[in-house]
Amino acid sequence: MIFSTNSSCQVTATLPLNSYDYPNGAYLKDINNQLPFYVGTWEGIQNNKQYTFQFTVFNQQMIDFGNGHYEYLDALVAKFKVVDLSSSEVLYDNLSAVNYDDYEIFLGSIQLGTFFCLDKNNCNNLAKFKLYKVTGTTNQLNYNDFRLVEFGSIDECPYTNQEDIPIFLPTGDFILTKQ
């Protein structure tokens, strides 16, 4: 499990965001300026639901893995809202999130376009999806490859099967457009 804190650990090295082998305390920095493309509001429609994603970057965010292991990174995170277009009912909304720990979507790999969504309110359910820039455009992302990730809830979960846990992310492929 990953914890974030604001303690007084020191940066030991500054490396590109896509680094894999790095020392404890390293700062994985967006040296290649890849994250600004994602920052902002993106919208798309799938299965008669409107999805609004708001991406932001927390620069030099400390991630504490416990046992003295930590890193800093320029963390791309997102919050989202889902509206049923047939009834105008808001099905899910965490757009009011402000603090890093309140965001549910976070970048896993910039090279692979992989993102994770950890729903702390629903049995710590974990999902994975990919976002790719649509070739030839400057304002579109292809959302695809949604899947649930095997999880182990640390809390009691009333659901026997992970597939029964409510999740509000789209499960099919579609295009998001920057607003």
N, C-alpha and C. Protein backbone atom coordinates (compact mmCIF):
# COMPACT_ATOMS: atom_id res chain seq x y z
N MET A 1 0.84 -1.17 0.00
CA MET A 1 0.00 0.00 0.00
C MET A 1 0.88 1.23 0.00
N ILE A 2 0.47 2.26 -0.71
CA ILE A 2 1.24 3.49 -0.83
C ILE A 2 0.63 4.54 0.08
N PHE A 3 1.48 5.23 0.80
CA PHE A 3 1.05 6.31 1.67
C PHE A 3 1.75 7.58 1.22
N SER A 4 1.07 8.69 1.31
CA SER A 4 1.73 9.96 1.02
C SER A 4 1.73 10.78 2.29
N THR A 5 2.82 11.47 2.50
CA THR A 5 2.94 12.29 3.70
C THR A 5 3.71 13.55 3.36
N ASN A 6 3.81 14.42 4.32
CA ASN A 6 4.59 15.64 4.16
C ASN A 6 5.65 15.70 5.24
N SER A 7 6.46 14.68 5.38
CA SER A 7 7.51 14.69 6.39
C SER A 7 8.76 15.33 5.80
N SER A 8 9.84 15.36 6.57
CA SER A 8 11.03 16.10 6.16
C SER A 8 12.14 15.20 5.63
N CYS A 9 11.85 14.29 4.74
CA CYS A 9 12.86 13.47 4.10
C CYS A 9 13.53 14.28 2.99
N GLN A 10 14.76 13.93 2.64
CA GLN A 10 15.51 14.69 1.65
C GLN A 10 15.56 13.98 0.31
N VAL A 11 15.62 14.79 -0.76
CA VAL A 11 15.80 14.26 -2.10
C VAL A 11 17.25 13.81 -2.25
N THR A 12 17.44 12.58 -2.73
CA THR A 12 18.80 12.04 -2.89
C THR A 12 19.31 12.15 -4.33
N ALA A 13 18.41 12.24 -5.31
CA ALA A 13 18.79 12.36 -6.72
C ALA A 13 17.56 12.83 -7.49
N THR A 14 17.77 13.57 -8.57
CA THR A 14 16.68 13.99 -9.44
C THR A 14 16.86 13.26 -10.77
N LEU A 15 15.82 12.51 -11.15
CA LEU A 15 15.87 11.65 -12.34
C LEU A 15 14.63 11.87 -13.19
N PRO A 16 14.66 11.46 -14.47
CA PRO A 16 13.47 11.57 -15.31
C PRO A 16 12.30 10.75 -14.74
N LEU A 17 11.11 11.23 -14.99
CA LEU A 17 9.89 10.59 -14.49
C LEU A 17 9.78 9.12 -14.88
N ASN A 18 10.31 8.75 -16.04
CA ASN A 18 10.19 7.37 -16.52
C ASN A 18 11.29 6.45 -16.01
N SER A 19 12.05 6.86 -14.99
CA SER A 19 13.12 6.03 -14.43
C SER A 19 12.54 4.84 -13.68
N TYR A 20 13.24 3.70 -13.76
CA TYR A 20 12.80 2.50 -13.07
C TYR A 20 13.71 2.10 -11.92
N ASP A 21 14.99 2.24 -12.10
CA ASP A 21 15.94 1.83 -11.08
C ASP A 21 16.55 3.09 -10.48
N TYR A 22 16.16 3.41 -9.25
CA TYR A 22 16.61 4.66 -8.66
C TYR A 22 16.78 4.48 -7.15
N PRO A 23 17.59 5.33 -6.54
CA PRO A 23 17.86 5.20 -5.10
C PRO A 23 16.68 5.67 -4.25
N ASN A 24 16.65 5.20 -3.03
CA ASN A 24 15.66 5.66 -2.07
C ASN A 24 15.76 7.18 -1.95
N GLY A 25 14.62 7.84 -1.93
CA GLY A 25 14.59 9.29 -1.79
C GLY A 25 14.74 10.06 -3.09
N ALA A 26 14.76 9.36 -4.22
CA ALA A 26 14.92 10.03 -5.51
C ALA A 26 13.68 10.87 -5.84
N TYR A 27 13.91 11.89 -6.64
CA TYR A 27 12.82 12.74 -7.15
C TYR A 27 12.66 12.41 -8.63
N LEU A 28 11.53 11.79 -8.99
CA LEU A 28 11.21 11.48 -10.38
C LEU A 28 10.48 12.69 -10.95
N LYS A 29 11.21 13.47 -11.70
CA LYS A 29 10.75 14.78 -12.18
C LYS A 29 10.35 14.70 -13.65
N ASP A 30 9.34 15.47 -14.00
CA ASP A 30 8.89 15.54 -15.39
C ASP A 30 9.84 16.41 -16.20
N ILE A 31 11.06 15.94 -16.33
CA ILE A 31 12.11 16.68 -17.04
C ILE A 31 11.75 16.88 -18.51
N ASN A 32 11.08 15.91 -19.11
CA ASN A 32 10.73 15.97 -20.53
C ASN A 32 9.42 16.70 -20.80
N ASN A 33 8.82 17.27 -19.76
CA ASN A 33 7.61 18.09 -19.89
C ASN A 33 6.46 17.33 -20.58
N GLN A 34 6.23 16.08 -20.16
CA GLN A 34 5.18 15.25 -20.74
C GLN A 34 3.81 15.46 -20.07
N LEU A 35 3.79 15.85 -18.82
CA LEU A 35 2.54 15.91 -18.06
C LEU A 35 1.62 17.07 -18.41
N PRO A 36 2.14 18.26 -18.80
CA PRO A 36 1.22 19.38 -19.07
C PRO A 36 0.15 19.08 -20.11
N PHE A 37 0.43 18.20 -21.07
CA PHE A 37 -0.58 17.85 -22.07
C PHE A 37 -1.88 17.37 -21.41
N TYR A 38 -1.77 16.60 -20.34
CA TYR A 38 -2.93 16.00 -19.68
C TYR A 38 -3.68 16.97 -18.77
N VAL A 39 -2.99 17.99 -18.27
CA VAL A 39 -3.58 18.88 -17.26
C VAL A 39 -4.76 19.63 -17.85
N GLY A 40 -5.87 19.61 -17.11
CA GLY A 40 -7.08 20.31 -17.53
C GLY A 40 -8.28 19.39 -17.46
N THR A 41 -9.36 19.84 -18.09
CA THR A 41 -10.63 19.12 -18.08
C THR A 41 -10.84 18.41 -19.41
N TRP A 42 -11.21 17.14 -19.32
CA TRP A 42 -11.47 16.29 -20.49
C TRP A 42 -12.87 15.70 -20.35
N GLU A 43 -13.62 15.66 -21.45
CA GLU A 43 -14.98 15.11 -21.41
C GLU A 43 -15.20 14.13 -22.55
N GLY A 44 -16.08 13.16 -22.28
CA GLY A 44 -16.46 12.20 -23.30
C GLY A 44 -17.76 11.51 -22.90
N ILE A 45 -18.38 10.86 -23.87
CA ILE A 45 -19.66 10.16 -23.64
C ILE A 45 -19.50 8.70 -24.03
N GLN A 46 -19.97 7.84 -23.13
CA GLN A 46 -20.00 6.41 -23.41
C GLN A 46 -21.22 5.83 -22.72
N ASN A 47 -21.98 4.99 -23.44
CA ASN A 47 -23.19 4.35 -22.89
C ASN A 47 -24.14 5.36 -22.25
N ASN A 48 -24.37 6.48 -22.93
CA ASN A 48 -25.30 7.51 -22.50
C ASN A 48 -24.93 8.13 -21.14
N LYS A 49 -23.64 8.12 -20.85
CA LYS A 49 -23.13 8.76 -19.64
C LYS A 49 -22.03 9.73 -20.04
N GLN A 50 -22.09 10.92 -19.45
CA GLN A 50 -21.05 11.91 -19.69
C GLN A 50 -20.00 11.80 -18.59
N TYR A 51 -18.75 11.67 -19.02
CA TYR A 51 -17.62 11.56 -18.10
C TYR A 51 -16.80 12.83 -18.19
N THR A 52 -16.53 13.42 -17.04
CA THR A 52 -15.67 14.60 -16.95
C THR A 52 -14.49 14.25 -16.06
N PHE A 53 -13.30 14.36 -16.61
CA PHE A 53 -12.06 14.10 -15.86
C PHE A 53 -11.30 15.41 -15.74
N GLN A 54 -10.80 15.69 -14.55
CA GLN A 54 -9.94 16.86 -14.35
C GLN A 54 -8.59 16.37 -13.85
N PHE A 55 -7.56 16.61 -14.66
CA PHE A 55 -6.20 16.18 -14.34
C PHE A 55 -5.39 17.36 -13.81
N THR A 56 -4.55 17.08 -12.84
CA THR A 56 -3.63 18.07 -12.29
C THR A 56 -2.33 17.37 -11.91
N VAL A 57 -1.29 18.17 -11.69
CA VAL A 57 0.01 17.64 -11.29
C VAL A 57 0.35 18.17 -9.91
N PHE A 58 0.75 17.28 -9.04
CA PHE A 58 1.33 17.65 -7.75
C PHE A 58 2.84 17.50 -7.91
N ASN A 59 3.54 18.62 -7.98
CA ASN A 59 4.99 18.59 -8.17
C ASN A 59 5.71 18.17 -6.89
N GLN A 60 6.71 17.35 -7.06
CA GLN A 60 7.57 16.86 -5.98
C GLN A 60 6.74 16.32 -4.80
N GLN A 61 5.75 15.50 -5.13
CA GLN A 61 4.89 14.87 -4.12
C GLN A 61 5.66 13.72 -3.46
N MET A 62 5.70 13.72 -2.15
CA MET A 62 6.39 12.64 -1.44
C MET A 62 5.48 11.43 -1.32
N ILE A 63 6.01 10.27 -1.65
CA ILE A 63 5.31 9.00 -1.50
C ILE A 63 6.12 8.17 -0.52
N ASP A 64 5.49 7.77 0.58
CA ASP A 64 6.16 7.01 1.63
C ASP A 64 5.68 5.56 1.55
N PHE A 65 6.60 4.64 1.29
CA PHE A 65 6.26 3.23 1.18
C PHE A 65 6.40 2.49 2.50
N GLY A 66 6.80 3.19 3.55
CA GLY A 66 7.01 2.56 4.85
C GLY A 66 8.43 2.02 4.98
N ASN A 67 8.81 1.65 6.18
CA ASN A 67 10.14 1.09 6.45
C ASN A 67 11.28 1.99 5.96
N GLY A 68 11.06 3.31 5.94
CA GLY A 68 12.10 4.24 5.53
C GLY A 68 12.25 4.42 4.03
N HIS A 69 11.44 3.75 3.23
CA HIS A 69 11.52 3.86 1.78
C HIS A 69 10.52 4.91 1.29
N TYR A 70 11.03 5.84 0.48
CA TYR A 70 10.20 6.91 -0.02
C TYR A 70 10.76 7.42 -1.35
N GLU A 71 9.92 8.16 -2.05
CA GLU A 71 10.34 8.83 -3.28
C GLU A 71 9.53 10.11 -3.41
N TYR A 72 10.01 10.97 -4.26
CA TYR A 72 9.26 12.15 -4.66
C TYR A 72 8.97 12.00 -6.14
N LEU A 73 7.83 12.50 -6.58
CA LEU A 73 7.57 12.48 -8.00
C LEU A 73 6.61 13.59 -8.37
N ASP A 74 6.68 13.97 -9.64
CA ASP A 74 5.68 14.86 -10.20
C ASP A 74 4.50 13.96 -10.53
N ALA A 75 3.49 14.01 -9.67
CA ALA A 75 2.37 13.05 -9.72
C ALA A 75 1.20 13.60 -10.53
N LEU A 76 0.88 12.93 -11.62
CA LEU A 76 -0.30 13.26 -12.41
C LEU A 76 -1.48 12.50 -11.82
N VAL A 77 -2.50 13.23 -11.39
CA VAL A 77 -3.67 12.63 -10.76
C VAL A 77 -4.93 13.21 -11.38
N ALA A 78 -6.06 12.53 -11.16
CA ALA A 78 -7.33 13.01 -11.72
C ALA A 78 -8.47 12.74 -10.76
N LYS A 79 -9.49 13.56 -10.93
CA LYS A 79 -10.77 13.37 -10.25
C LYS A 79 -11.81 13.35 -11.37
N PHE A 80 -13.01 12.82 -11.08
CA PHE A 80 -13.97 12.70 -12.16
C PHE A 80 -15.42 12.77 -11.69
N LYS A 81 -16.28 12.98 -12.68
CA LYS A 81 -17.73 13.09 -12.46
C LYS A 81 -18.42 12.30 -13.56
N VAL A 82 -19.53 11.64 -13.19
CA VAL A 82 -20.31 10.86 -14.15
C VAL A 82 -21.77 11.31 -14.07
N VAL A 83 -22.35 11.65 -15.23
CA VAL A 83 -23.74 12.08 -15.30
C VAL A 83 -24.48 11.16 -16.27
N ASP A 84 -25.63 10.63 -15.84
CA ASP A 84 -26.50 9.84 -16.70
C ASP A 84 -27.26 10.82 -17.58
N LEU A 85 -27.03 10.79 -18.89
CA LEU A 85 -27.62 11.77 -19.79
C LEU A 85 -29.13 11.59 -19.98
N SER A 86 -29.64 10.39 -19.73
CA SER A 86 -31.08 10.18 -19.90
C SER A 86 -31.89 10.79 -18.76
N SER A 87 -31.30 10.90 -17.58
CA SER A 87 -32.03 11.44 -16.43
C SER A 87 -31.38 12.69 -15.83
N SER A 88 -30.20 13.05 -16.30
CA SER A 88 -29.40 14.16 -15.76
C SER A 88 -28.96 13.92 -14.32
N GLU A 89 -29.07 12.67 -13.87
CA GLU A 89 -28.67 12.32 -12.52
C GLU A 89 -27.14 12.22 -12.44
N VAL A 90 -26.58 12.84 -11.40
CA VAL A 90 -25.15 12.72 -11.15
C VAL A 90 -24.94 11.38 -10.44
N LEU A 91 -24.23 10.47 -11.11
CA LEU A 91 -24.00 9.13 -10.56
C LEU A 91 -22.79 9.09 -9.64
N TYR A 92 -21.82 9.95 -9.94
CA TYR A 92 -20.60 9.99 -9.14
C TYR A 92 -19.94 11.35 -9.34
N ASP A 93 -19.36 11.90 -8.28
CA ASP A 93 -18.70 13.20 -8.39
C ASP A 93 -17.68 13.38 -7.28
N ASN A 94 -16.41 13.40 -7.64
CA ASN A 94 -15.39 13.77 -6.66
C ASN A 94 -14.57 14.96 -7.17
N LEU A 95 -15.21 15.83 -7.98
CA LEU A 95 -14.53 16.99 -8.52
C LEU A 95 -14.15 18.01 -7.45
N SER A 96 -14.69 17.85 -6.25
CA SER A 96 -14.34 18.78 -5.17
C SER A 96 -13.01 18.42 -4.50
N ALA A 97 -12.39 17.32 -4.89
CA ALA A 97 -11.11 16.91 -4.29
C ALA A 97 -10.07 18.01 -4.50
N VAL A 98 -9.32 18.29 -3.44
CA VAL A 98 -8.27 19.31 -3.49
C VAL A 98 -6.93 18.73 -3.07
N ASN A 99 -6.93 17.93 -2.03
CA ASN A 99 -5.70 17.36 -1.49
C ASN A 99 -5.28 16.12 -2.27
N TYR A 100 -3.99 15.90 -2.37
CA TYR A 100 -3.45 14.77 -3.12
C TYR A 100 -4.12 13.45 -2.73
N ASP A 101 -4.27 13.22 -1.45
CA ASP A 101 -4.82 11.95 -0.97
C ASP A 101 -6.29 11.75 -1.32
N ASP A 102 -6.98 12.81 -1.75
CA ASP A 102 -8.39 12.70 -2.10
C ASP A 102 -8.62 12.34 -3.57
N TYR A 103 -7.56 12.37 -4.37
CA TYR A 103 -7.68 11.99 -5.78
C TYR A 103 -7.68 10.47 -5.88
N GLU A 104 -8.47 9.92 -6.80
CA GLU A 104 -8.61 8.47 -6.94
C GLU A 104 -7.86 7.91 -8.14
N ILE A 105 -7.57 8.75 -9.12
CA ILE A 105 -6.91 8.29 -10.34
C ILE A 105 -5.48 8.81 -10.34
N PHE A 106 -4.54 7.92 -10.63
CA PHE A 106 -3.14 8.34 -10.67
C PHE A 106 -2.41 7.62 -11.80
N LEU A 107 -1.41 8.31 -12.34
CA LEU A 107 -0.61 7.78 -13.42
C LEU A 107 0.26 6.64 -12.92
N GLY A 108 0.24 5.52 -13.64
CA GLY A 108 1.11 4.40 -13.32
C GLY A 108 2.38 4.44 -14.15
N SER A 109 2.25 4.66 -15.46
CA SER A 109 3.40 4.68 -16.37
C SER A 109 3.13 5.64 -17.51
N ILE A 110 3.96 6.66 -17.64
CA ILE A 110 3.80 7.62 -18.74
C ILE A 110 4.11 6.96 -20.08
N GLN A 111 5.08 6.02 -20.12
CA GLN A 111 5.43 5.35 -21.37
C GLN A 111 4.29 4.47 -21.87
N LEU A 112 3.62 3.78 -20.97
CA LEU A 112 2.55 2.86 -21.34
C LEU A 112 1.17 3.51 -21.33
N GLY A 113 1.07 4.75 -20.86
CA GLY A 113 -0.22 5.43 -20.78
C GLY A 113 -1.14 4.79 -19.76
N THR A 114 -0.59 4.14 -18.76
CA THR A 114 -1.37 3.39 -17.79
C THR A 114 -1.76 4.25 -16.59
N PHE A 115 -3.03 4.17 -16.24
CA PHE A 115 -3.57 4.87 -15.08
C PHE A 115 -4.27 3.86 -14.18
N PHE A 116 -4.32 4.17 -12.90
CA PHE A 116 -5.01 3.34 -11.92
C PHE A 116 -6.05 4.18 -11.21
N CYS A 117 -7.13 3.53 -10.80
CA CYS A 117 -8.16 4.18 -9.99
C CYS A 117 -8.36 3.34 -8.74
N LEU A 118 -8.11 3.95 -7.60
CA LEU A 118 -8.29 3.29 -6.31
C LEU A 118 -9.47 3.93 -5.61
N ASP A 119 -10.55 3.17 -5.47
CA ASP A 119 -11.77 3.67 -4.82
C ASP A 119 -11.74 3.29 -3.35
N LYS A 120 -11.28 4.21 -2.53
CA LYS A 120 -11.14 3.96 -1.09
C LYS A 120 -12.49 3.79 -0.40
N ASN A 121 -13.55 4.31 -1.02
CA ASN A 121 -14.88 4.22 -0.41
C ASN A 121 -15.62 2.94 -0.76
N ASN A 122 -15.12 2.18 -1.71
CA ASN A 122 -15.76 0.93 -2.12
C ASN A 122 -14.75 -0.20 -2.07
N CYS A 123 -14.42 -0.63 -0.86
CA CYS A 123 -13.57 -1.80 -0.62
C CYS A 123 -12.17 -1.66 -1.19
N ASN A 124 -11.69 -0.44 -1.37
CA ASN A 124 -10.38 -0.21 -2.00
C ASN A 124 -10.28 -0.90 -3.35
N ASN A 125 -11.38 -0.87 -4.09
CA ASN A 125 -11.41 -1.50 -5.41
C ASN A 125 -10.40 -0.81 -6.32
N LEU A 126 -9.69 -1.59 -7.11
CA LEU A 126 -8.63 -1.07 -7.96
C LEU A 126 -8.90 -1.43 -9.41
N ALA A 127 -8.83 -0.42 -10.28
CA ALA A 127 -9.02 -0.62 -11.71
C ALA A 127 -7.85 0.01 -12.45
N LYS A 128 -7.66 -0.45 -13.67
CA LYS A 128 -6.56 0.02 -14.51
C LYS A 128 -7.13 0.35 -15.89
N PHE A 129 -6.63 1.41 -16.50
CA PHE A 129 -7.03 1.75 -17.87
C PHE A 129 -5.89 2.50 -18.53
N LYS A 130 -6.01 2.70 -19.83
CA LYS A 130 -4.97 3.41 -20.58
C LYS A 130 -5.54 4.64 -21.24
N LEU A 131 -4.71 5.66 -21.34
CA LEU A 131 -5.04 6.88 -22.06
C LEU A 131 -3.92 7.15 -23.06
N TYR A 132 -4.29 7.25 -24.33
CA TYR A 132 -3.32 7.55 -25.39
C TYR A 132 -3.74 8.81 -26.11
N LYS A 133 -2.76 9.61 -26.50
CA LYS A 133 -3.04 10.76 -27.35
C LYS A 133 -3.54 10.23 -28.69
N VAL A 134 -4.60 10.84 -29.21
CA VAL A 134 -5.12 10.46 -30.52
C VAL A 134 -4.21 11.08 -31.57
N THR A 135 -3.66 10.25 -32.44
CA THR A 135 -2.72 10.70 -33.47
C THR A 135 -3.35 11.79 -34.33
N GLY A 136 -2.58 12.85 -34.54
CA GLY A 136 -3.03 13.93 -35.41
C GLY A 136 -3.89 14.98 -34.72
N THR A 137 -4.11 14.83 -33.41
CA THR A 137 -4.89 15.84 -32.68
C THR A 137 -4.08 16.36 -31.50
N THR A 138 -4.46 17.51 -31.02
CA THR A 138 -3.80 18.08 -29.84
C THR A 138 -4.74 18.15 -28.65
N ASN A 139 -5.98 17.66 -28.84
CA ASN A 139 -6.96 17.81 -27.77
C ASN A 139 -7.82 16.56 -27.54
N GLN A 140 -7.31 15.38 -27.91
CA GLN A 140 -8.09 14.17 -27.70
C GLN A 140 -7.23 13.05 -27.10
N LEU A 141 -7.89 12.28 -26.24
CA LEU A 141 -7.30 11.10 -25.63
C LEU A 141 -8.18 9.90 -25.92
N ASN A 142 -7.56 8.77 -26.20
CA ASN A 142 -8.28 7.52 -26.37
C ASN A 142 -8.25 6.78 -25.04
N TYR A 143 -9.42 6.59 -24.43
CA TYR A 143 -9.57 5.85 -23.17
C TYR A 143 -9.84 4.41 -23.56
N ASN A 144 -9.00 3.47 -23.09
CA ASN A 144 -9.24 2.07 -23.45
C ASN A 144 -8.60 1.11 -22.46
N ASP A 145 -8.82 -0.16 -22.72
CA ASP A 145 -8.20 -1.26 -21.97
C ASP A 145 -8.55 -1.24 -20.48
N PHE A 146 -9.81 -0.91 -20.15
CA PHE A 146 -10.25 -0.93 -18.76
C PHE A 146 -10.25 -2.36 -18.25
N ARG A 147 -9.76 -2.54 -17.03
CA ARG A 147 -9.89 -3.84 -16.37
C ARG A 147 -9.73 -3.67 -14.87
N LEU A 148 -10.36 -4.56 -14.15
CA LEU A 148 -10.21 -4.59 -12.71
C LEU A 148 -8.88 -5.24 -12.38
N VAL A 149 -8.25 -4.76 -11.33
CA VAL A 149 -6.97 -5.31 -10.88
C VAL A 149 -7.24 -6.08 -9.60
N GLU A 150 -6.65 -7.26 -9.50
CA GLU A 150 -6.85 -8.06 -8.29
C GLU A 150 -6.53 -7.22 -7.07
N PHE A 151 -7.38 -7.31 -6.09
CA PHE A 151 -7.22 -6.47 -4.92
C PHE A 151 -7.36 -7.29 -3.65
N GLY A 152 -6.94 -6.70 -2.57
CA GLY A 152 -7.12 -7.28 -1.25
C GLY A 152 -7.56 -6.17 -0.33
N SER A 153 -8.81 -6.14 0.01
CA SER A 153 -9.34 -5.07 0.84
C SER A 153 -8.85 -5.22 2.27
N ILE A 154 -8.38 -4.10 2.83
CA ILE A 154 -7.94 -4.12 4.22
C ILE A 154 -9.12 -3.94 5.17
N ASP A 155 -10.23 -3.53 4.62
CA ASP A 155 -11.45 -3.34 5.40
C ASP A 155 -12.42 -4.46 5.07
N GLU A 156 -13.42 -4.60 5.91
CA GLU A 156 -14.47 -5.57 5.58
C GLU A 156 -15.20 -5.09 4.34
N CYS A 157 -15.43 -6.00 3.44
CA CYS A 157 -16.10 -5.68 2.19
C CYS A 157 -17.36 -6.52 2.09
N PRO A 158 -18.52 -5.89 1.87
CA PRO A 158 -19.77 -6.65 1.80
C PRO A 158 -19.94 -7.43 0.50
N TYR A 159 -19.02 -7.28 -0.44
CA TYR A 159 -19.15 -7.94 -1.74
C TYR A 159 -18.27 -9.18 -1.80
N THR A 160 -18.85 -10.26 -2.31
CA THR A 160 -18.11 -11.50 -2.46
C THR A 160 -17.22 -11.46 -3.69
N ASN A 161 -17.72 -10.89 -4.78
CA ASN A 161 -16.98 -10.82 -6.04
C ASN A 161 -16.59 -9.38 -6.33
N GLN A 162 -15.38 -9.19 -6.80
CA GLN A 162 -14.90 -7.85 -7.12
C GLN A 162 -15.78 -7.19 -8.19
N GLU A 163 -16.28 -7.98 -9.13
CA GLU A 163 -17.12 -7.44 -10.21
C GLU A 163 -18.42 -6.83 -9.69
N ASP A 164 -18.83 -7.18 -8.47
CA ASP A 164 -20.07 -6.65 -7.89
C ASP A 164 -19.86 -5.31 -7.19
N ILE A 165 -18.62 -4.93 -6.94
CA ILE A 165 -18.34 -3.67 -6.26
C ILE A 165 -18.62 -2.53 -7.22
N PRO A 166 -19.41 -1.54 -6.81
CA PRO A 166 -19.71 -0.42 -7.71
C PRO A 166 -18.42 0.30 -8.14
N ILE A 167 -18.33 0.56 -9.42
CA ILE A 167 -17.23 1.36 -9.95
C ILE A 167 -17.82 2.26 -11.03
N PHE A 168 -17.41 3.49 -11.03
CA PHE A 168 -18.06 4.46 -11.89
C PHE A 168 -17.25 4.83 -13.12
N LEU A 169 -16.10 4.22 -13.29
CA LEU A 169 -15.31 4.46 -14.49
C LEU A 169 -15.97 3.78 -15.69
N PRO A 170 -15.77 4.32 -16.88
CA PRO A 170 -16.28 3.63 -18.07
C PRO A 170 -15.51 2.33 -18.29
N THR A 171 -16.22 1.30 -18.72
CA THR A 171 -15.58 0.00 -18.94
C THR A 171 -15.27 -0.25 -20.41
N GLY A 172 -15.78 0.60 -21.30
CA GLY A 172 -15.52 0.47 -22.73
C GLY A 172 -14.63 1.58 -23.24
N ASP A 173 -14.17 1.43 -24.47
CA ASP A 173 -13.29 2.41 -25.09
C ASP A 173 -14.10 3.60 -25.59
N PHE A 174 -13.51 4.80 -25.51
CA PHE A 174 -14.12 6.00 -26.06
C PHE A 174 -13.10 7.13 -26.10
N ILE A 175 -13.49 8.25 -26.69
CA ILE A 175 -12.60 9.40 -26.87
C ILE A 175 -12.96 10.49 -25.87
N LEU A 176 -11.93 11.05 -25.24
CA LEU A 176 -12.09 12.22 -24.38
C LEU A 176 -11.56 13.44 -25.13
N THR A 177 -12.26 14.55 -25.02
CA THR A 177 -11.85 15.79 -25.67
C THR A 177 -11.54 16.84 -24.62
N LYS A 178 -10.42 17.52 -24.81
CA LYS A 178 -10.02 18.57 -23.86
C LYS A 178 -10.95 19.76 -24.01
N GLN A 179 -11.38 20.28 -22.89
CA GLN A 179 -12.32 21.41 -22.88
C GLN A 179 -11.59 22.74 -22.79
